Amino acid sequence: MNLNLRRLIKLFTHHPESNGETYFQHFRCASSYGLRMIFSGLGAIIHSVFPFLFETAASDCAKKINEEIDRRSQNSLIR
């Protein structure tokens, strides 16, 4: 395999592998977090105008994502 191609592949796989995941497992998880953050961010913006709506949406989302990241980190240490 060409040296440049190996370097390119390593750019995409090093971080996921260091967390015990394949590129696609990491992609699925990271994109899930990102989409949830976007939607909870929109809820927070709506909440800023209408404080009676989405009162805990952003903080609930942040807590849940943080718990999931902590759990994934613990699992990658066990592997």
C-alpha atoms as a PDB file:
ATOM      1  CA  MET A   1       0.000   0.000   0.000  1.00  0.00           C
ATOM      2  CA  ASN A   2       1.213   3.475  -0.849  1.00  0.00           C
ATOM      3  CA  LEU A   3       2.744   5.319   2.141  1.00  0.00           C
ATOM      4  CA  ASN A   4       0.533   8.374   1.588  1.00  0.00           C
ATOM      5  CA  LEU A   5      -2.581   6.197   1.505  1.00  0.00           C
ATOM      6  CA  ARG A   6      -1.561   4.538   4.788  1.00  0.00           C
ATOM      7  CA  ARG A   7      -1.097   7.957   6.388  1.00  0.00           C
ATOM      8  CA  LEU A   8      -4.488   9.071   5.139  1.00  0.00           C
ATOM      9  CA  ILE A   9      -6.185   5.950   6.496  1.00  0.00           C
ATOM     10  CA  LYS A  10      -4.422   6.445   9.833  1.00  0.00           C
ATOM     11  CA  LEU A  11      -5.803  10.005  10.053  1.00  0.00           C
ATOM     12  CA  PHE A  12      -9.317   8.555   9.959  1.00  0.00           C
ATOM     13  CA  THR A  13      -8.728   5.510  12.158  1.00  0.00           C
ATOM     14  CA  HIS A  14      -6.238   6.477  14.876  1.00  0.00           C
ATOM     15  CA  HIS A  15      -8.656   8.250  17.224  1.00  0.00           C
ATOM     16  CA  PRO A  16     -11.505   5.716  16.871  1.00  0.00           C
ATOM     17  CA  GLU A  17      -9.084   2.809  17.410  1.00  0.00           C
ATOM     18  CA  SER A  18      -7.660   4.504  20.508  1.00  0.00           C
ATOM     19  CA  ASN A  19     -11.210   4.377  21.895  1.00  0.00           C
ATOM     20  CA  GLY A  20     -11.740   0.735  20.947  1.00  0.00           C
ATOM     21  CA  GLU A  21     -13.990   1.513  17.987  1.00  0.00           C
ATOM     22  CA  THR A  22     -13.994   1.196  14.245  1.00  0.00           C
ATOM     23  CA  TYR A  23     -14.279   4.310  12.110  1.00  0.00           C
ATOM     24  CA  PHE A  24     -17.967   3.625  11.443  1.00  0.00           C
ATOM     25  CA  GLN A  25     -18.816   2.935  15.097  1.00  0.00           C
ATOM     26  CA  HIS A  26     -17.177   6.227  16.028  1.00  0.00           C
ATOM     27  CA  PHE A  27     -18.913   8.030  13.156  1.00  0.00           C
ATOM     28  CA  ARG A  28     -22.331   6.771  14.249  1.00  0.00           C
ATOM     29  CA  CYS A  29     -21.796   7.742  17.876  1.00  0.00           C
ATOM     30  CA  ALA A  30     -20.219  11.161  17.237  1.00  0.00           C
ATOM     31  CA  SER A  31     -22.838  12.140  14.662  1.00  0.00           C
ATOM     32  CA  SER A  32     -25.579  11.062  17.078  1.00  0.00           C
ATOM     33  CA  TYR A  33     -24.125  13.343  19.755  1.00  0.00           C
ATOM     34  CA  GLY A  34     -23.814  16.207  17.298  1.00  0.00           C
ATOM     35  CA  LEU A  35     -27.381  15.948  16.047  1.00  0.00           C
ATOM     36  CA  ARG A  36     -28.758  15.751  19.574  1.00  0.00           C
ATOM     37  CA  MET A  37     -26.716  18.820  20.541  1.00  0.00           C
ATOM     38  CA  ILE A  38     -28.043  20.750  17.544  1.00  0.00           C
ATOM     39  CA  PHE A  39     -31.653  19.960  18.429  1.00  0.00           C
ATOM     40  CA  SER A  40     -31.207  20.680  22.131  1.00  0.00           C
ATOM     41  CA  GLY A  41     -29.435  23.923  21.173  1.00  0.00           C
ATOM     42  CA  LEU A  42     -32.441  24.918  19.106  1.00  0.00           C
ATOM     43  CA  GLY A  43     -34.584  24.102  22.139  1.00  0.00           C
ATOM     44  CA  ALA A  44     -32.372  26.343  24.271  1.00  0.00           C
ATOM     45  CA  ILE A  45     -32.769  29.212  21.792  1.00  0.00           C
ATOM     46  CA  ILE A  46     -36.542  28.768  21.818  1.00  0.00           C
ATOM     47  CA  HIS A  47     -36.398  28.595  25.625  1.00  0.00           C
ATOM     48  CA  SER A  48     -34.555  31.920  25.737  1.00  0.00           C
ATOM     49  CA  VAL A  49     -37.534  33.599  24.069  1.00  0.00           C
ATOM     50  CA  PHE A  50     -40.260  31.460  25.661  1.00  0.00           C
ATOM     51  CA  PRO A  51     -38.896  30.452  29.098  1.00  0.00           C
ATOM     52  CA  PHE A  52     -41.867  28.165  29.740  1.00  0.00           C
ATOM     53  CA  LEU A  53     -40.858  25.877  26.813  1.00  0.00           C
ATOM     54  CA  PHE A  54     -38.026  23.330  26.813  1.00  0.00           C
ATOM     55  CA  GLU A  55     -37.053  24.271  30.365  1.00  0.00           C
ATOM     56  CA  THR A  56     -34.537  21.454  30.820  1.00  0.00           C
ATOM     57  CA  ALA A  57     -34.039  20.154  27.268  1.00  0.00           C
ATOM     58  CA  ALA A  58     -30.475  21.397  26.773  1.00  0.00           C
ATOM     59  CA  SER A  59     -29.210  20.456  30.229  1.00  0.00           C
ATOM     60  CA  ASP A  60     -30.927  17.043  30.064  1.00  0.00           C
ATOM     61  CA  CYS A  61     -29.286  16.368  26.718  1.00  0.00           C
ATOM     62  CA  ALA A  62     -25.859  17.481  27.967  1.00  0.00           C
ATOM     63  CA  LYS A  63     -26.132  15.254  31.046  1.00  0.00           C
ATOM     64  CA  LYS A  64     -27.213  12.234  28.994  1.00  0.00           C
ATOM     65  CA  ILE A  65     -24.427  12.678  26.446  1.00  0.00           C
ATOM     66  CA  ASN A  66     -21.882  13.151  29.230  1.00  0.00           C
ATOM     67  CA  GLU A  67     -23.061   9.932  30.923  1.00  0.00           C
ATOM     68  CA  GLU A  68     -22.788   8.063  27.618  1.00  0.00           C
ATOM     69  CA  ILE A  69     -19.277   9.401  26.980  1.00  0.00           C
ATOM     70  CA  ASP A  70     -18.188   8.426  30.498  1.00  0.00           C
ATOM     71  CA  ARG A  71     -19.625   4.923  30.005  1.00  0.00           C
ATOM     72  CA  ARG A  72     -17.901   4.567  26.607  1.00  0.00           C
ATOM     73  CA  SER A  73     -14.614   5.742  28.133  1.00  0.00           C
ATOM     74  CA  GLN A  74     -14.890   3.152  30.898  1.00  0.00           C
ATOM     75  CA  ASN A  75     -15.646   0.426  28.325  1.00  0.00           C
ATOM     76  CA  SER A  76     -12.656   1.397  26.187  1.00  0.00           C
ATOM     77  CA  LEU A  77     -10.391   1.145  29.256  1.00  0.00           C
ATOM     78  CA  ILE A  78     -11.655  -2.378  29.952  1.00  0.00           C
ATOM     79  CA  ARG A  79     -10.911  -3.584  26.388  1.00  0.00           C
END
